Structure formats: C-alpha cells, structure tokens
C-alpha cells in the first residue's frame, strides 16, 4: 500500500509528532497539579529521561503512546500497513530501550510508573493511581 500523502506532506505531518509536551503528558501533569503534587520535567540526568520526575520521592513517571511503545491494547497492537518491517523493528527497539531504562532506574532505587495513553481516558482512575503511587513514594522517602 502506498502512502496517502506525498513526500512533502508526509514530512510535514511527521515533523508535528512531538517528543515532549504531548497531549497525554500534559493531561498527566494537569492531574498531578490538581492533586497538589510538585514535580520536575525532563529527567535529563536519569536513564530514559522520564517525562515527570519527583526527585524527593525518587519517583519517575513515563507517559507512553500506545502505538510508539508497543502497548498490548488495540491501538498499540495495530499493525502498520506501510513500511511494516521498519515500524516493527522500530517499536521493538523502543520497547527494549524502555525496559533497559526502567531496569536502570529501579536498580538505582528509583520508583517508576508507566502510564499508557489508553489509560488516561478515565480521569478518576488516573487520579486514584497517581494518588496511590505518590503517597506510597512519600511514605518510603519519609
């Protein structure tokens, strides 16, 4: 199957795919603010550069897009139709990189939380999950 866009349009579309300040990431940050939880962005010195970091609680939060990181939900399990071999290999590399980063953080006594894009639809469940992991991290650091 050929691409529905020409090369210039495809390039413009792909340029708009952002690495930070994505919709799912902004949603998690908004929920954390609503819970009154402080955090930092970027995690530049940490393996995998977590999206949200709470250094005092030693908690790193990753917000993953289901397709890009190969989640087992319907969106993440969708097979690419164009350039399928490339995308399968790319997603497999992303999964391996994610696993390596999580292992490195956990071996450095950091707590980690991976939030998938599909899990962000239910805000009440998201709030409960964030509150639980933040309170658990607070009790460990105290």
N, C-alpha and C. Protein backbone atom coordinates (compact mmCIF):
# COMPACT_ATOMS: atom_id res chain seq x y z
N UNK A 1 0.85 -1.18 0.00
CA UNK A 1 0.00 0.00 0.00
C UNK A 1 0.89 1.24 0.00
N UNK A 2 0.57 2.17 -0.85
CA UNK A 2 1.37 3.38 -0.92
C UNK A 2 0.84 4.41 0.07
N UNK A 3 1.68 5.36 0.38
CA UNK A 3 1.32 6.41 1.33
C UNK A 3 0.24 7.30 0.72
N UNK A 4 -0.72 7.70 1.54
CA UNK A 4 -1.79 8.57 1.04
C UNK A 4 -1.31 10.00 0.84
N UNK A 5 -0.18 10.37 1.43
CA UNK A 5 0.40 11.69 1.28
C UNK A 5 1.63 11.63 0.40
N UNK A 6 1.92 12.75 -0.23
CA UNK A 6 3.17 12.88 -0.95
C UNK A 6 4.31 13.06 0.03
N UNK A 7 5.55 12.99 -0.44
CA UNK A 7 6.71 13.10 0.47
C UNK A 7 6.75 14.40 1.27
N UNK A 8 6.39 15.53 0.66
CA UNK A 8 6.44 16.80 1.38
C UNK A 8 5.37 16.85 2.48
N UNK A 9 4.17 16.40 2.17
CA UNK A 9 3.09 16.40 3.16
C UNK A 9 3.42 15.41 4.28
N UNK A 10 3.93 14.22 3.95
CA UNK A 10 4.29 13.23 4.97
C UNK A 10 5.36 13.81 5.89
N UNK A 11 6.33 14.49 5.31
CA UNK A 11 7.39 15.11 6.11
C UNK A 11 6.81 16.15 7.07
N UNK A 12 5.86 16.95 6.58
CA UNK A 12 5.22 17.96 7.43
C UNK A 12 4.43 17.29 8.56
N UNK A 13 3.73 16.22 8.26
CA UNK A 13 2.96 15.51 9.28
C UNK A 13 3.90 14.94 10.34
N UNK A 14 4.98 14.29 9.93
CA UNK A 14 5.91 13.68 10.88
C UNK A 14 6.65 14.72 11.71
N UNK A 15 6.88 15.91 11.16
CA UNK A 15 7.53 16.97 11.94
C UNK A 15 6.67 17.42 13.11
N UNK A 16 5.37 17.25 12.99
CA UNK A 16 4.46 17.68 14.06
C UNK A 16 4.37 16.67 15.20
N UNK A 17 4.95 15.48 15.03
CA UNK A 17 4.96 14.49 16.11
C UNK A 17 6.00 14.96 17.12
N UNK A 18 5.53 15.28 18.32
CA UNK A 18 6.41 15.88 19.31
C UNK A 18 6.97 14.84 20.27
N UNK A 19 8.12 15.16 20.83
CA UNK A 19 8.75 14.27 21.80
C UNK A 19 8.40 14.67 23.23
N UNK A 20 8.00 15.92 23.44
CA UNK A 20 7.63 16.37 24.78
C UNK A 20 6.45 17.31 24.69
N UNK A 21 5.84 17.55 25.83
CA UNK A 21 4.62 18.36 25.90
C UNK A 21 3.52 17.81 25.00
N UNK A 22 3.42 16.49 24.96
CA UNK A 22 2.36 15.86 24.18
C UNK A 22 1.04 15.96 24.94
N UNK A 23 -0.05 15.70 24.26
CA UNK A 23 -1.37 15.75 24.90
C UNK A 23 -1.46 14.84 26.12
N UNK A 24 -1.07 13.57 26.00
CA UNK A 24 -1.12 12.68 27.16
C UNK A 24 -0.24 13.16 28.31
N UNK A 25 0.93 13.68 27.99
CA UNK A 25 1.85 14.17 29.02
C UNK A 25 1.24 15.38 29.75
N UNK A 26 0.64 16.29 28.99
CA UNK A 26 0.00 17.46 29.60
C UNK A 26 -1.16 17.05 30.48
N UNK A 27 -1.88 16.02 30.09
CA UNK A 27 -3.00 15.54 30.89
C UNK A 27 -2.52 15.01 32.24
N UNK A 28 -1.43 14.25 32.23
CA UNK A 28 -0.88 13.72 33.49
C UNK A 28 -0.40 14.87 34.37
N UNK A 29 0.28 15.83 33.79
CA UNK A 29 0.76 16.97 34.57
C UNK A 29 -0.40 17.76 35.17
N UNK A 30 -1.48 17.92 34.41
CA UNK A 30 -2.66 18.62 34.91
C UNK A 30 -3.25 17.88 36.11
N UNK A 31 -3.34 16.56 36.02
CA UNK A 31 -3.89 15.76 37.12
C UNK A 31 -2.99 15.84 38.35
N UNK A 32 -1.67 15.84 38.15
CA UNK A 32 -0.75 15.97 39.28
C UNK A 32 -0.91 17.32 39.97
N UNK A 33 -1.06 18.39 39.17
CA UNK A 33 -1.28 19.72 39.76
C UNK A 33 -2.58 19.75 40.55
N UNK A 34 -3.62 19.10 40.01
CA UNK A 34 -4.91 19.07 40.71
C UNK A 34 -4.79 18.32 42.04
N UNK A 35 -3.88 17.35 42.11
CA UNK A 35 -3.65 16.61 43.35
C UNK A 35 -2.72 17.38 44.30
N UNK A 36 -2.17 18.50 43.84
CA UNK A 36 -1.27 19.30 44.67
C UNK A 36 0.12 18.71 44.79
N UNK A 37 0.55 17.98 43.77
CA UNK A 37 1.84 17.29 43.80
C UNK A 37 2.85 18.09 42.98
N UNK A 38 4.01 18.35 43.56
CA UNK A 38 5.08 19.03 42.84
C UNK A 38 5.91 18.04 42.05
N UNK A 39 6.46 18.50 40.94
CA UNK A 39 7.26 17.63 40.07
C UNK A 39 8.20 18.47 39.23
N UNK A 40 9.11 17.79 38.58
CA UNK A 40 10.02 18.43 37.62
C UNK A 40 9.84 17.73 36.28
N UNK A 41 10.24 18.41 35.23
CA UNK A 41 10.11 17.84 33.88
C UNK A 41 11.45 17.38 33.35
N UNK A 42 11.40 16.45 32.44
CA UNK A 42 12.57 16.12 31.65
C UNK A 42 13.44 15.00 32.15
N UNK A 43 13.79 14.96 33.40
CA UNK A 43 14.64 13.91 33.92
C UNK A 43 15.95 13.75 33.17
N UNK A 44 16.60 14.87 32.85
CA UNK A 44 17.77 14.84 31.97
C UNK A 44 18.90 13.96 32.47
N UNK A 45 19.13 13.86 33.74
CA UNK A 45 20.24 13.06 34.21
C UNK A 45 19.90 11.60 34.46
N UNK A 46 18.66 11.21 34.18
CA UNK A 46 18.20 9.86 34.50
C UNK A 46 18.09 9.00 33.25
N UNK A 47 18.26 7.70 33.41
CA UNK A 47 18.11 6.80 32.26
C UNK A 47 16.71 6.91 31.66
N UNK A 48 16.63 7.00 30.35
CA UNK A 48 15.36 7.05 29.67
C UNK A 48 14.67 8.39 29.69
N UNK A 49 15.26 9.39 30.37
CA UNK A 49 14.68 10.72 30.50
C UNK A 49 13.18 10.67 30.77
N UNK A 50 12.79 10.34 31.99
CA UNK A 50 11.36 10.27 32.32
C UNK A 50 10.65 11.59 32.02
N UNK A 51 9.35 11.51 31.74
CA UNK A 51 8.57 12.70 31.41
C UNK A 51 8.33 13.57 32.64
N UNK A 52 8.11 12.95 33.78
CA UNK A 52 7.86 13.66 35.04
C UNK A 52 8.73 13.01 36.11
N UNK A 53 9.39 13.86 36.90
CA UNK A 53 10.29 13.35 37.94
C UNK A 53 9.95 14.03 39.26
N UNK A 54 9.95 13.23 40.32
CA UNK A 54 9.80 13.76 41.68
C UNK A 54 11.04 13.32 42.45
N UNK A 55 12.10 14.15 42.41
CA UNK A 55 13.38 13.74 42.99
C UNK A 55 13.29 13.42 44.48
N UNK A 56 12.55 14.19 45.25
CA UNK A 56 12.44 13.94 46.68
C UNK A 56 11.78 12.61 46.99
N UNK A 57 10.88 12.20 46.15
CA UNK A 57 10.19 10.92 46.32
C UNK A 57 10.87 9.80 45.55
N UNK A 58 11.89 10.16 44.77
CA UNK A 58 12.60 9.20 43.90
C UNK A 58 11.59 8.43 43.04
N UNK A 59 10.73 9.20 42.38
CA UNK A 59 9.69 8.64 41.53
C UNK A 59 9.85 9.22 40.13
N UNK A 60 9.88 8.34 39.14
CA UNK A 60 9.97 8.73 37.73
C UNK A 60 8.74 8.21 37.01
N UNK A 61 8.07 9.11 36.29
CA UNK A 61 6.86 8.74 35.56
C UNK A 61 7.11 8.88 34.07
N UNK A 62 6.79 7.81 33.34
CA UNK A 62 6.87 7.80 31.89
C UNK A 62 5.45 7.80 31.34
N UNK A 63 5.17 8.64 30.37
CA UNK A 63 3.88 8.66 29.70
C UNK A 63 4.13 8.17 28.28
N UNK A 64 3.64 6.96 27.99
CA UNK A 64 3.92 6.33 26.70
C UNK A 64 2.71 6.35 25.78
N UNK A 65 2.96 6.65 24.52
CA UNK A 65 1.95 6.48 23.48
C UNK A 65 1.84 5.00 23.16
N UNK A 66 0.64 4.51 23.04
CA UNK A 66 0.43 3.07 22.87
C UNK A 66 1.08 2.54 21.59
N UNK A 67 0.92 3.23 20.48
CA UNK A 67 1.50 2.74 19.22
C UNK A 67 3.02 2.79 19.26
N UNK A 68 3.58 3.92 19.66
CA UNK A 68 5.02 4.14 19.58
C UNK A 68 5.81 3.23 20.51
N UNK A 69 5.20 2.79 21.60
CA UNK A 69 5.91 1.97 22.57
C UNK A 69 5.39 0.54 22.62
N UNK A 70 4.51 0.17 21.69
CA UNK A 70 4.08 -1.22 21.55
C UNK A 70 3.25 -1.77 22.69
N UNK A 71 2.27 -0.99 23.16
CA UNK A 71 1.38 -1.47 24.21
C UNK A 71 0.50 -2.59 23.67
N UNK A 72 -0.04 -3.43 24.55
CA UNK A 72 -0.84 -4.56 24.11
C UNK A 72 -2.33 -4.23 24.00
N UNK A 73 -2.69 -2.95 23.90
CA UNK A 73 -4.08 -2.54 23.71
C UNK A 73 -4.38 -2.53 22.20
N UNK A 74 -5.63 -2.33 21.81
CA UNK A 74 -5.95 -2.32 20.37
C UNK A 74 -5.15 -1.30 19.56
N UNK A 75 -4.95 -0.10 20.11
CA UNK A 75 -4.19 0.89 19.35
C UNK A 75 -2.71 0.51 19.25
N UNK A 76 -2.15 0.03 20.35
CA UNK A 76 -0.74 -0.34 20.34
C UNK A 76 -0.47 -1.62 19.57
N UNK A 77 -1.45 -2.49 19.49
CA UNK A 77 -1.27 -3.75 18.78
C UNK A 77 -1.57 -3.66 17.30
N UNK A 78 -1.93 -2.48 16.85
CA UNK A 78 -2.26 -2.28 15.43
C UNK A 78 -1.02 -2.46 14.57
N UNK A 79 -1.15 -3.24 13.53
CA UNK A 79 -0.03 -3.48 12.62
C UNK A 79 0.09 -2.32 11.64
N UNK A 80 1.28 -1.77 11.48
CA UNK A 80 1.46 -0.73 10.47
C UNK A 80 1.27 -1.33 9.07
N UNK A 81 0.64 -0.58 8.19
CA UNK A 81 0.39 -1.08 6.83
C UNK A 81 1.49 -0.67 5.86
N UNK A 82 2.08 0.48 6.11
CA UNK A 82 3.12 1.00 5.23
C UNK A 82 4.47 0.83 5.91
N UNK A 83 5.44 0.32 5.17
CA UNK A 83 6.80 0.15 5.68
C UNK A 83 6.78 -0.68 6.97
N UNK A 84 6.03 -1.75 6.97
CA UNK A 84 5.75 -2.54 8.17
C UNK A 84 7.02 -3.08 8.83
N UNK A 85 7.97 -3.56 8.05
CA UNK A 85 9.20 -4.11 8.64
C UNK A 85 9.95 -3.06 9.43
N UNK A 86 10.05 -1.86 8.87
CA UNK A 86 10.73 -0.78 9.56
C UNK A 86 10.03 -0.47 10.90
N UNK A 87 8.70 -0.33 10.87
CA UNK A 87 7.97 0.05 12.08
C UNK A 87 7.99 -1.04 13.14
N UNK A 88 7.91 -2.29 12.72
CA UNK A 88 8.00 -3.39 13.71
C UNK A 88 9.35 -3.36 14.41
N UNK A 89 10.43 -3.17 13.64
CA UNK A 89 11.77 -3.11 14.23
C UNK A 89 11.91 -1.88 15.13
N UNK A 90 11.38 -0.74 14.68
CA UNK A 90 11.45 0.50 15.46
C UNK A 90 10.74 0.34 16.80
N UNK A 91 9.53 -0.22 16.78
CA UNK A 91 8.76 -0.39 18.01
C UNK A 91 9.45 -1.40 18.93
N UNK A 92 10.04 -2.45 18.36
CA UNK A 92 10.78 -3.43 19.17
C UNK A 92 11.99 -2.75 19.84
N UNK A 93 12.69 -1.88 19.11
CA UNK A 93 13.81 -1.15 19.72
C UNK A 93 13.31 -0.22 20.82
N UNK A 94 12.18 0.44 20.60
CA UNK A 94 11.61 1.31 21.64
C UNK A 94 11.29 0.51 22.89
N UNK A 95 10.69 -0.65 22.72
CA UNK A 95 10.35 -1.49 23.88
C UNK A 95 11.59 -1.92 24.65
N UNK A 96 12.63 -2.30 23.92
CA UNK A 96 13.88 -2.72 24.56
C UNK A 96 14.52 -1.54 25.30
N UNK A 97 14.54 -0.37 24.67
CA UNK A 97 15.10 0.83 25.30
C UNK A 97 14.31 1.18 26.56
N UNK A 98 12.99 1.08 26.51
CA UNK A 98 12.15 1.36 27.68
C UNK A 98 12.47 0.39 28.81
N UNK A 99 12.59 -0.88 28.50
CA UNK A 99 12.88 -1.90 29.52
C UNK A 99 14.25 -1.63 30.17
N UNK A 100 15.23 -1.30 29.35
CA UNK A 100 16.58 -1.01 29.86
C UNK A 100 16.55 0.21 30.79
N UNK A 101 15.82 1.25 30.40
CA UNK A 101 15.74 2.47 31.23
C UNK A 101 15.03 2.17 32.55
N UNK A 102 13.94 1.42 32.51
CA UNK A 102 13.22 1.09 33.74
C UNK A 102 14.08 0.25 34.67
N UNK A 103 14.80 -0.72 34.12
CA UNK A 103 15.68 -1.55 34.94
C UNK A 103 16.78 -0.71 35.58
N UNK A 104 17.37 0.20 34.81
CA UNK A 104 18.44 1.05 35.35
C UNK A 104 17.92 1.94 36.47
N UNK A 105 16.74 2.51 36.31
CA UNK A 105 16.17 3.34 37.36
C UNK A 105 15.87 2.52 38.61
N UNK A 106 15.25 1.36 38.43
CA UNK A 106 14.91 0.53 39.58
C UNK A 106 16.15 0.03 40.30
N UNK A 107 17.22 -0.22 39.56
CA UNK A 107 18.48 -0.64 40.18
C UNK A 107 19.15 0.51 40.93
N UNK A 108 18.75 1.74 40.62
CA UNK A 108 19.26 2.93 41.32
C UNK A 108 18.31 3.38 42.42
N UNK A 109 17.42 2.48 42.84
CA UNK A 109 16.45 2.76 43.91
C UNK A 109 15.47 3.87 43.58
N UNK A 110 15.08 3.99 42.32
CA UNK A 110 14.02 4.88 41.91
C UNK A 110 12.76 4.06 41.70
N UNK A 111 11.63 4.63 42.08
CA UNK A 111 10.35 4.00 41.77
C UNK A 111 9.94 4.50 40.39
N UNK A 112 9.31 3.65 39.62
CA UNK A 112 8.89 4.04 38.28
C UNK A 112 7.41 3.77 38.08
N UNK A 113 6.80 4.56 37.24
CA UNK A 113 5.41 4.38 36.87
C UNK A 113 5.31 4.63 35.38
N UNK A 114 4.74 3.68 34.66
CA UNK A 114 4.50 3.84 33.23
C UNK A 114 3.00 4.02 33.05
N UNK A 115 2.63 5.14 32.48
CA UNK A 115 1.23 5.41 32.16
C UNK A 115 1.07 5.34 30.65
N UNK A 116 0.12 4.53 30.21
CA UNK A 116 -0.13 4.36 28.79
C UNK A 116 -1.23 5.32 28.36
N UNK A 117 -1.13 5.76 27.14
CA UNK A 117 -2.09 6.70 26.57
C UNK A 117 -3.53 6.22 26.74
N UNK A 118 -3.78 4.94 26.56
CA UNK A 118 -5.14 4.41 26.67
C UNK A 118 -5.66 4.45 28.11
N UNK A 119 -4.77 4.50 29.09
CA UNK A 119 -5.18 4.51 30.50
C UNK A 119 -5.58 5.91 30.97
N UNK A 120 -5.34 6.91 30.15
CA UNK A 120 -5.59 8.29 30.57
C UNK A 120 -7.02 8.73 30.31
N UNK A 121 -7.81 7.89 29.66
CA UNK A 121 -9.18 8.27 29.32
C UNK A 121 -10.08 8.36 30.54
N UNK A 122 -9.85 7.50 31.52
CA UNK A 122 -10.66 7.51 32.75
C UNK A 122 -9.93 8.35 33.79
N UNK A 123 -10.35 9.62 33.91
CA UNK A 123 -9.64 10.55 34.80
C UNK A 123 -9.73 10.15 36.26
N UNK A 124 -10.85 9.59 36.68
CA UNK A 124 -11.00 9.18 38.09
C UNK A 124 -10.01 8.06 38.41
N UNK A 125 -9.89 7.10 37.52
CA UNK A 125 -8.95 6.00 37.73
C UNK A 125 -7.51 6.52 37.70
N UNK A 126 -7.24 7.46 36.79
CA UNK A 126 -5.91 8.06 36.71
C UNK A 126 -5.57 8.79 38.01
N UNK A 127 -6.52 9.56 38.53
CA UNK A 127 -6.30 10.28 39.80
C UNK A 127 -6.01 9.30 40.94
N UNK A 128 -6.78 8.23 41.00
CA UNK A 128 -6.56 7.23 42.07
C UNK A 128 -5.17 6.60 41.94
N UNK A 129 -4.79 6.27 40.72
CA UNK A 129 -3.49 5.63 40.52
C UNK A 129 -2.36 6.59 40.87
N UNK A 130 -2.45 7.83 40.42
CA UNK A 130 -1.41 8.82 40.73
C UNK A 130 -1.34 9.08 42.23
N UNK A 131 -2.49 9.23 42.88
CA UNK A 131 -2.50 9.49 44.32
C UNK A 131 -1.88 8.32 45.07
N UNK A 132 -2.18 7.10 44.64
CA UNK A 132 -1.62 5.93 45.33
C UNK A 132 -0.11 5.85 45.18
N UNK A 133 0.40 6.06 43.98
CA UNK A 133 1.84 5.94 43.78
C UNK A 133 2.58 7.09 44.45
N UNK A 134 1.99 8.28 44.45
CA UNK A 134 2.64 9.43 45.09
C UNK A 134 2.66 9.25 46.61
N UNK A 135 1.54 8.78 47.18
CA UNK A 135 1.51 8.58 48.64
C UNK A 135 2.43 7.44 49.05
N UNK A 136 2.53 6.41 48.22
CA UNK A 136 3.45 5.31 48.51
C UNK A 136 4.90 5.82 48.47
N UNK A 137 5.20 6.63 47.46
CA UNK A 137 6.55 7.17 47.35
C UNK A 137 6.85 8.12 48.50
N UNK A 138 5.84 8.88 48.95
CA UNK A 138 6.05 9.82 50.06
C UNK A 138 6.32 9.06 51.35
N UNK A 139 5.64 7.94 51.57
CA UNK A 139 5.85 7.20 52.81
C UNK A 139 7.21 6.50 52.80
N UNK A 140 7.71 6.14 51.62
CA UNK A 140 9.02 5.49 51.53
C UNK A 140 10.13 6.51 51.76
N UNK A 141 9.97 7.75 51.23
CA UNK A 141 11.02 8.75 51.36
C UNK A 141 11.04 9.40 52.73
N UNK A 142 9.97 9.25 53.50
CA UNK A 142 9.91 9.91 54.80
C UNK A 142 10.69 9.15 55.85
